[in-house]
């Protein structure tokens, strides 16, 4: 194998493939990055850990096609340090891979290629989708996924497939995020492990986040969902991951549809006010928000830790009310609202609060569970 490639392209491809290489691989061979050069002048770098894979393909000048396996992190660190404006030559010499870039010459030992596991095959495509829209929706929804591995299904993002939309949802039991993305499903096919074009499936949240990274500036992407695999591909990049058994609670039954009060305010101003007061709180301490026409007052603290308050301009349709929140949960959902203004919808001070940008509930919406204040000693005072 021998090839020459622009180093900025090599570095970007290596960084992408490195995402799927585990930091503490269960076997030495899984620390490897698979390098493949073909007769069509393309270089493919792949990382794989049995759970997910990441593949990057770039055009290059191939003098001799071939494939080899080298330590992935070492290769990635090396090519990231090479000058971006130069080219790099990779040449396989026996059991070593040599890299030459300008005056730099590196020799890397290869890993046993025969021990590397077979990569997952990608079935037919389930449908096509706007990559940027899916990336934004996936990032916002995955923010609500649970990090407690004892509840595997809650660590995932559920994809609900319809004739014209994908509905993404995730929850950690205290917040629930939902987003809708238009898509175009492929014609239905038959056979084992066929691509799904309807139904529901749960994808690990970290796989969804990885997919979002390669789709951020992509107009069109291909999506594959089967009973056992998730895959997304954009020009030159592919990400795959396994599927989590189970399903999430029905979000339609949890999201309120009738409200006693609705307030609107600046998304950034409210987030800033919450950040100003949060340092006064312990990990489990609540923050109280007083909603009135004209302003929201954010307050918290105790005599021992100190007390604080901040205010932001707001409008209120309904009677004034006070609601206690875990500030970290509220801020996490608030940060996913796509717009300068956030609308907060209330049924009662102890019932789930619905957040979304005005007139954008069909794009992204989230609910946050308030904190119940058991007695007056736990309630912040101004």
Protein backbone atom coordinates (compact mmCIF):
# COMPACT_ATOMS: atom_id res chain seq x y z
CA UNK A 1 0.00 0.00 0.00
CA UNK A 2 1.25 3.46 -0.91
CA UNK A 3 -0.68 6.72 -1.21
CA UNK A 4 -0.37 10.50 -0.93
CA UNK A 5 -3.06 12.71 0.54
CA UNK A 6 -3.55 16.34 1.62
CA UNK A 7 -2.78 16.38 5.30
CA UNK A 8 -5.78 18.47 6.35
CA UNK A 9 -8.05 15.83 4.79
CA UNK A 10 -6.08 13.00 6.40
CA UNK A 11 -6.29 14.67 9.81
CA UNK A 12 -10.06 15.22 9.56
CA UNK A 13 -10.64 11.62 8.46
CA UNK A 14 -8.49 10.25 11.28
CA UNK A 15 -10.28 12.37 13.88
CA UNK A 16 -13.63 11.08 12.69
CA UNK A 17 -12.59 7.39 12.70
CA UNK A 18 -10.99 7.83 16.12
CA UNK A 19 -14.43 8.54 17.63
CA UNK A 20 -15.29 4.84 17.57
CA UNK A 21 -11.98 3.59 19.00
CA UNK A 22 -12.35 2.89 22.75
CA UNK A 23 -10.03 4.62 25.21
CA UNK A 24 -9.53 1.35 27.09
CA UNK A 25 -10.03 -1.35 24.45
CA UNK A 26 -10.96 -4.82 25.73
CA UNK A 27 -8.48 -6.31 23.27
CA UNK A 28 -5.36 -4.64 21.76
CA UNK A 29 -6.61 -4.99 18.20
CA UNK A 30 -9.60 -2.70 18.92
CA UNK A 31 -7.13 0.14 19.55
CA UNK A 32 -6.36 -0.06 15.85
CA UNK A 33 -7.54 2.12 12.98
CA UNK A 34 -8.17 0.30 9.74
CA UNK A 35 -6.56 1.96 6.70
CA UNK A 36 -7.77 0.97 3.22
CA UNK A 37 -6.63 2.40 -0.13
CA UNK A 38 -8.41 1.25 -3.30
CA UNK A 39 -7.86 1.41 -7.04
CA UNK A 40 -10.42 4.20 -7.35
CA UNK A 41 -8.17 6.66 -5.54
CA UNK A 42 -9.93 6.65 -2.20
CA UNK A 43 -8.62 6.27 1.34
CA UNK A 44 -10.97 4.93 4.04
CA UNK A 45 -10.15 5.09 7.75
CA UNK A 46 -12.30 3.12 10.19
CA UNK A 47 -12.67 2.77 13.93
CA UNK A 48 -14.80 0.02 15.48
CA UNK A 49 -15.49 -1.31 18.97
CA UNK A 50 -18.21 -3.94 18.28
CA UNK A 51 -20.76 -1.40 19.54
CA UNK A 52 -20.34 1.37 16.98
CA UNK A 53 -18.21 2.23 13.97
CA UNK A 54 -17.01 5.44 12.32
CA UNK A 55 -15.72 5.50 8.74
CA UNK A 56 -14.23 8.40 6.80
CA UNK A 57 -13.40 8.38 3.09
CA UNK A 58 -11.23 10.94 1.26
CA UNK A 59 -9.85 11.21 -2.28
CA UNK A 60 -6.11 10.62 -2.59
CA UNK A 61 -3.37 9.57 -5.01
CA UNK A 62 -3.06 5.79 -4.69
CA UNK A 63 0.15 4.32 -6.08
CA UNK A 64 -0.43 0.87 -4.57
CA UNK A 65 -3.80 -0.21 -3.12
CA UNK A 66 -3.89 -2.19 0.10
CA UNK A 67 -5.02 -2.26 3.72
CA UNK A 68 -3.39 -2.28 7.14
CA UNK A 69 -4.13 -1.67 10.82
CA UNK A 70 -2.20 0.78 13.04
CA UNK A 71 -2.68 2.22 16.55
CA UNK A 72 -5.49 4.72 15.99
CA UNK A 73 -4.78 7.33 18.64
CA UNK A 74 -1.10 7.53 17.73
CA UNK A 75 -1.90 7.98 14.05
CA UNK A 76 -4.51 10.65 14.81
CA UNK A 77 -2.19 12.60 17.11
CA UNK A 78 0.63 12.46 14.56
CA UNK A 79 -1.31 13.69 11.53
CA UNK A 80 -3.05 16.43 13.57
CA UNK A 81 0.42 17.83 14.33
CA UNK A 82 1.57 17.75 10.70
CA UNK A 83 1.33 21.02 8.70
CA UNK A 84 -2.19 21.28 7.26
CA UNK A 85 -0.99 22.80 3.98
CA UNK A 86 1.33 19.90 3.11
CA UNK A 87 0.71 16.38 1.84
CA UNK A 88 1.46 13.13 3.64
CA UNK A 89 2.66 9.89 2.08
CA UNK A 90 1.69 6.60 3.71
CA UNK A 91 3.60 3.50 2.60
CA UNK A 92 3.40 -0.04 3.93
CA UNK A 93 6.78 -1.70 4.27
CA UNK A 94 6.49 -5.23 5.59
CA UNK A 95 5.01 -4.96 9.10
CA UNK A 96 5.59 -1.20 9.38
CA UNK A 97 3.72 1.82 8.05
CA UNK A 98 5.82 4.85 7.20
CA UNK A 99 4.47 8.39 7.18
CA UNK A 100 6.32 11.22 5.46
CA UNK A 101 5.24 14.86 5.65
CA UNK A 102 7.77 17.52 4.71
CA UNK A 103 10.91 16.87 6.75
CA UNK A 104 9.07 14.55 9.19
CA UNK A 105 9.38 10.79 8.79
CA UNK A 106 7.57 8.37 11.12
CA UNK A 107 7.48 4.58 11.26
CA UNK A 108 4.56 2.89 12.97
CA UNK A 109 4.26 -0.83 13.77
CA UNK A 110 1.13 -2.44 12.39
CA UNK A 111 -1.35 -4.58 14.31
CA UNK A 112 -2.45 -8.09 13.18
CA UNK A 113 -5.00 -7.38 10.49
CA UNK A 114 -6.34 -10.94 10.60
CA UNK A 115 -7.51 -10.41 14.20
CA UNK A 116 -9.56 -7.31 13.41
CA UNK A 117 -13.33 -8.00 13.55
CA UNK A 118 -15.51 -7.85 10.47
CA UNK A 119 -17.20 -4.48 10.13
CA UNK A 120 -21.01 -4.32 10.20
CA UNK A 121 -22.60 -4.30 6.78
CA UNK A 122 -24.95 -1.38 6.15
CA UNK A 123 -28.36 -2.54 4.84
CA UNK A 124 -30.48 -0.66 2.37
CA UNK A 125 -31.40 2.91 3.27
CA UNK A 126 -34.56 3.61 5.27
CA UNK A 127 -34.88 7.11 3.87
CA UNK A 128 -33.29 10.49 3.16
CA UNK A 129 -33.32 13.51 5.42
CA UNK A 130 -31.93 17.03 5.76
CA UNK A 131 -28.68 16.40 7.60
CA UNK A 132 -28.55 19.74 9.36
CA UNK A 133 -32.13 19.42 10.63
CA UNK A 134 -31.46 15.92 11.95
CA UNK A 135 -28.22 17.06 13.60
CA UNK A 136 -29.98 19.92 15.40
CA UNK A 137 -32.89 17.74 16.49
CA UNK A 138 -30.63 14.93 17.64
CA UNK A 139 -28.46 17.25 19.72
CA UNK A 140 -31.43 18.95 21.42
CA UNK A 141 -33.24 15.71 22.20
CA UNK A 142 -30.17 13.74 23.32
CA UNK A 143 -29.56 16.41 26.00
CA UNK A 144 -32.47 14.88 27.95
CA UNK A 145 -31.20 11.29 27.81
CA UNK A 146 -30.29 9.61 31.09
CA UNK A 147 -26.65 8.86 31.93
CA UNK A 148 -27.49 6.09 34.43
CA UNK A 149 -26.45 2.85 32.73
CA UNK A 150 -28.70 0.83 35.09
CA UNK A 151 -31.63 2.10 33.01
CA UNK A 152 -30.40 1.32 29.47
CA UNK A 153 -33.51 2.35 27.54
CA UNK A 154 -33.44 5.83 29.11
CA UNK A 155 -29.88 6.36 27.80
CA UNK A 156 -31.24 6.33 24.26
CA UNK A 157 -33.15 8.49 21.81
CA UNK A 158 -36.34 6.98 20.46
CA UNK A 159 -37.00 7.40 16.74
CA UNK A 160 -40.65 7.19 15.71
CA UNK A 161 -40.97 6.82 11.94
CA UNK A 162 -44.02 8.09 10.07
CA UNK A 163 -44.82 8.65 6.41
CA UNK A 164 -43.34 12.15 6.39
CA UNK A 165 -41.63 12.79 9.74
CA UNK A 166 -39.16 11.42 12.22
CA UNK A 167 -40.09 12.12 15.83
CA UNK A 168 -37.10 12.02 18.19
CA UNK A 169 -37.67 11.80 21.95
CA UNK A 170 -35.60 11.23 25.10
CA UNK A 171 -36.09 11.45 28.86
CA UNK A 172 -34.26 11.02 32.15
CA UNK A 173 -37.63 10.91 34.04
CA UNK A 174 -37.31 14.58 35.10
CA UNK A 175 -37.17 16.21 31.66
CA UNK A 176 -38.56 15.05 28.33
CA UNK A 177 -37.44 16.45 24.93
CA UNK A 178 -39.24 15.90 21.62
CA UNK A 179 -38.35 17.11 18.12
CA UNK A 180 -39.87 16.59 14.67
CA UNK A 181 -37.86 16.37 11.44
CA UNK A 182 -39.31 15.93 7.93
CA UNK A 183 -37.93 12.98 5.99
CA UNK A 184 -38.57 10.93 2.86
CA UNK A 185 -38.80 7.17 3.54
CA UNK A 186 -37.62 4.68 0.95
CA UNK A 187 -40.01 2.17 -0.64
CA UNK A 188 -40.66 -0.75 1.69
CA UNK A 189 -38.63 -3.93 1.14
CA UNK A 190 -38.82 -7.50 2.37
CA UNK A 191 -36.20 -9.76 3.90
CA UNK A 192 -34.21 -10.38 7.04
CA UNK A 193 -33.03 -7.27 8.91
CA UNK A 194 -34.83 -5.08 6.36
CA UNK A 195 -34.62 -1.30 6.77
CA UNK A 196 -37.47 0.16 8.78
CA UNK A 197 -39.65 2.92 7.33
CA UNK A 198 -42.23 2.96 10.13
CA UNK A 199 -42.46 1.98 13.77
CA UNK A 200 -40.21 2.87 16.72
CA UNK A 201 -36.61 2.13 17.68
CA UNK A 202 -34.25 3.36 20.44
CA UNK A 203 -30.73 4.48 19.48
CA UNK A 204 -27.98 5.12 22.08
CA UNK A 205 -27.73 8.87 22.74
CA UNK A 206 -23.94 8.91 22.21
CA UNK A 207 -24.42 7.38 18.75
CA UNK A 208 -26.97 10.10 17.94
CA UNK A 209 -24.52 12.78 19.11
CA UNK A 210 -21.78 11.30 16.89
CA UNK A 211 -24.15 11.28 13.93
CA UNK A 212 -24.99 14.94 14.60
CA UNK A 213 -21.32 15.88 14.28
CA UNK A 214 -21.02 14.64 10.72
CA UNK A 215 -24.40 16.02 9.66
CA UNK A 216 -24.07 19.57 10.98
CA UNK A 217 -23.47 21.12 7.54
CA UNK A 218 -25.04 18.46 5.32
CA UNK A 219 -28.00 19.24 3.10
CA UNK A 220 -28.92 15.63 2.49
CA UNK A 221 -28.08 12.45 4.36
CA UNK A 222 -29.12 8.80 4.25
CA UNK A 223 -30.54 7.11 7.33
CA UNK A 224 -30.78 3.38 7.99
CA UNK A 225 -32.73 1.87 10.87
CA UNK A 226 -33.20 -1.86 11.34
CA UNK A 227 -34.15 -4.07 14.26
CA UNK A 228 -30.47 -4.27 15.21
CA UNK A 229 -28.63 -1.32 13.68
CA UNK A 230 -28.59 2.45 13.21
CA UNK A 231 -26.53 4.02 10.44
CA UNK A 232 -26.25 7.49 9.00
CA UNK A 233 -24.15 8.49 6.03
CA UNK A 234 -23.17 11.77 4.44
CA UNK A 235 -20.59 12.40 1.71
CA UNK A 236 -17.36 10.79 2.92
CA UNK A 237 -18.62 9.91 6.41
CA UNK A 238 -20.53 6.97 7.91
CA UNK A 239 -21.51 6.26 11.53
CA UNK A 240 -23.16 3.08 12.80
CA UNK A 241 -24.35 1.90 16.18
CA UNK A 242 -26.35 -0.78 17.90
CA UNK A 243 -29.96 -0.60 19.06
CA UNK A 244 -31.32 -0.60 22.63
CA UNK A 245 -34.16 -3.02 23.41
CA UNK A 246 -37.30 -1.45 24.84
CA UNK A 247 -39.27 1.75 24.37
CA UNK A 248 -39.77 5.08 26.10
CA UNK A 249 -42.97 6.23 27.80
CA UNK A 250 -45.58 7.69 25.46
CA UNK A 251 -44.69 11.36 25.34
CA UNK A 252 -48.13 12.27 23.98
CA UNK A 253 -49.69 11.27 27.30
CA UNK A 254 -47.15 13.29 29.31
CA UNK A 255 -47.17 16.61 27.45
CA UNK A 256 -49.97 18.93 28.61
CA UNK A 257 -52.26 20.50 26.01
CA UNK A 258 -54.34 22.90 28.12
CA UNK A 259 -52.77 25.61 30.27
CA UNK A 260 -53.71 27.96 33.10
CA UNK A 261 -50.86 30.40 32.44
CA UNK A 262 -48.37 31.16 29.65
CA UNK A 263 -45.30 33.37 29.93
CA UNK A 264 -42.81 34.53 27.29
CA UNK A 265 -39.36 35.99 27.90
CA UNK A 266 -35.88 36.25 26.42
CA UNK A 267 -34.28 32.80 26.29
CA UNK A 268 -30.79 34.13 26.94
CA UNK A 269 -31.83 36.59 29.66
CA UNK A 270 -33.60 33.87 31.64
CA UNK A 271 -30.66 31.47 31.23
CA UNK A 272 -28.28 34.20 32.41
CA UNK A 273 -30.40 34.96 35.48
CA UNK A 274 -30.43 31.26 36.41
CA UNK A 275 -26.65 31.09 36.07
CA UNK A 276 -26.25 34.17 38.28
CA UNK A 277 -28.09 32.52 41.20
CA UNK A 278 -27.05 28.87 40.78
CA UNK A 279 -23.69 29.19 42.67
CA UNK A 280 -25.66 29.77 45.88
CA UNK A 281 -27.26 26.32 45.65
CA UNK A 282 -26.19 22.86 46.66
CA UNK A 283 -26.54 20.03 44.18
CA UNK A 284 -30.14 19.18 45.18
CA UNK A 285 -31.33 22.65 46.26
CA UNK A 286 -34.31 24.13 44.37
CA UNK A 287 -34.55 27.50 42.69
CA UNK A 288 -37.82 29.43 42.82
CA UNK A 289 -39.15 31.37 39.84
CA UNK A 290 -41.96 33.88 40.45
CA UNK A 291 -43.96 34.59 37.29
CA UNK A 292 -45.90 37.84 37.03
CA UNK A 293 -46.96 40.08 34.20
CA UNK A 294 -43.95 42.22 33.39
CA UNK A 295 -41.20 40.13 34.95
CA UNK A 296 -39.86 36.81 36.19
CA UNK A 297 -38.01 36.84 39.49
CA UNK A 298 -35.39 34.13 39.97
CA UNK A 299 -34.48 33.58 43.63
CA UNK A 300 -32.78 31.02 45.83
CA UNK A 301 -30.50 30.48 48.78
CA UNK A 302 -30.46 30.15 52.56
CA UNK A 303 -29.11 32.13 55.48
CA UNK A 304 -26.11 29.75 55.60
CA UNK A 305 -25.20 29.81 51.90
CA UNK A 306 -26.39 33.29 51.04
CA UNK A 307 -29.46 34.51 49.22
CA UNK A 308 -29.84 35.97 45.75
CA UNK A 309 -32.36 37.16 43.22
CA UNK A 310 -32.42 38.35 39.62
CA UNK A 311 -35.17 39.57 37.35
CA UNK A 312 -35.94 39.44 33.64
CA UNK A 313 -38.66 41.12 31.61
CA UNK A 314 -41.57 38.86 30.67
CA UNK A 315 -45.23 38.79 29.71
CA UNK A 316 -47.78 36.58 31.49
CA UNK A 317 -51.17 35.45 30.25
CA UNK A 318 -52.87 34.11 33.39
CA UNK A 319 -52.60 34.48 37.14
CA UNK A 320 -49.20 34.99 38.82
CA UNK A 321 -47.59 31.82 40.16
CA UNK A 322 -44.37 30.53 41.75
CA UNK A 323 -42.69 27.33 40.59
CA UNK A 324 -39.62 25.59 42.07
CA UNK A 325 -37.12 23.93 39.71
CA UNK A 326 -33.90 22.02 39.74
CA UNK A 327 -31.92 24.82 38.04
CA UNK A 328 -29.65 22.43 36.15
CA UNK A 329 -32.61 20.58 34.58
CA UNK A 330 -34.39 23.80 33.69
CA UNK A 331 -31.25 25.31 32.16
CA UNK A 332 -30.54 22.13 30.17
CA UNK A 333 -33.94 22.30 28.49
CA UNK A 334 -33.86 26.08 28.11
CA UNK A 335 -30.55 25.85 26.22
CA UNK A 336 -32.16 23.59 23.60
CA UNK A 337 -34.89 26.07 22.68
CA UNK A 338 -34.19 27.33 19.16
CA UNK A 339 -35.03 30.98 19.29
CA UNK A 340 -34.43 34.26 21.11
CA UNK A 341 -37.77 33.97 22.93
CA UNK A 342 -38.99 31.05 25.05
CA UNK A 343 -42.60 30.31 25.88
CA UNK A 344 -43.32 28.52 29.17
CA UNK A 345 -46.72 26.89 29.61
CA UNK A 346 -48.16 25.98 33.04
CA UNK A 347 -51.06 23.86 34.25
CA UNK A 348 -50.19 24.05 38.00
CA UNK A 349 -47.07 24.85 40.09
CA UNK A 350 -46.38 21.14 40.68
CA UNK A 351 -47.22 19.85 37.17
CA UNK A 352 -44.85 19.49 34.18
CA UNK A 353 -43.92 22.80 32.52
CA UNK A 354 -43.82 22.88 28.71
CA UNK A 355 -41.08 24.95 27.02
CA UNK A 356 -40.67 25.83 23.35
CA UNK A 357 -40.09 28.79 21.07
CA UNK A 358 -43.33 30.59 20.14
CA UNK A 359 -45.04 28.87 17.20
CA UNK A 360 -42.32 26.17 17.12
CA UNK A 361 -43.81 23.46 19.33
CA UNK A 362 -43.92 21.18 16.28
CA UNK A 363 -40.14 21.55 15.80
CA UNK A 364 -38.83 21.14 19.37
CA UNK A 365 -40.50 21.10 22.76
CA UNK A 366 -39.49 19.96 26.21
CA UNK A 367 -41.13 19.44 29.56
CA UNK A 368 -39.43 19.88 32.93
CA UNK A 369 -40.75 18.52 36.21
CA UNK A 370 -40.98 21.12 38.99
CA UNK A 371 -39.60 20.45 42.47
CA UNK A 372 -42.12 19.93 45.27
CA UNK A 373 -41.34 22.12 48.26
CA UNK A 374 -42.28 20.10 51.35
CA UNK A 375 -42.19 22.88 53.93
CA UNK A 376 -41.46 26.56 54.36
CA UNK A 377 -37.87 25.95 55.47
CA UNK A 378 -36.90 24.68 52.00
CA UNK A 379 -38.59 27.51 50.14
CA UNK A 380 -36.27 30.35 49.11
CA UNK A 381 -37.29 33.81 50.24
CA UNK A 382 -36.46 37.17 48.66
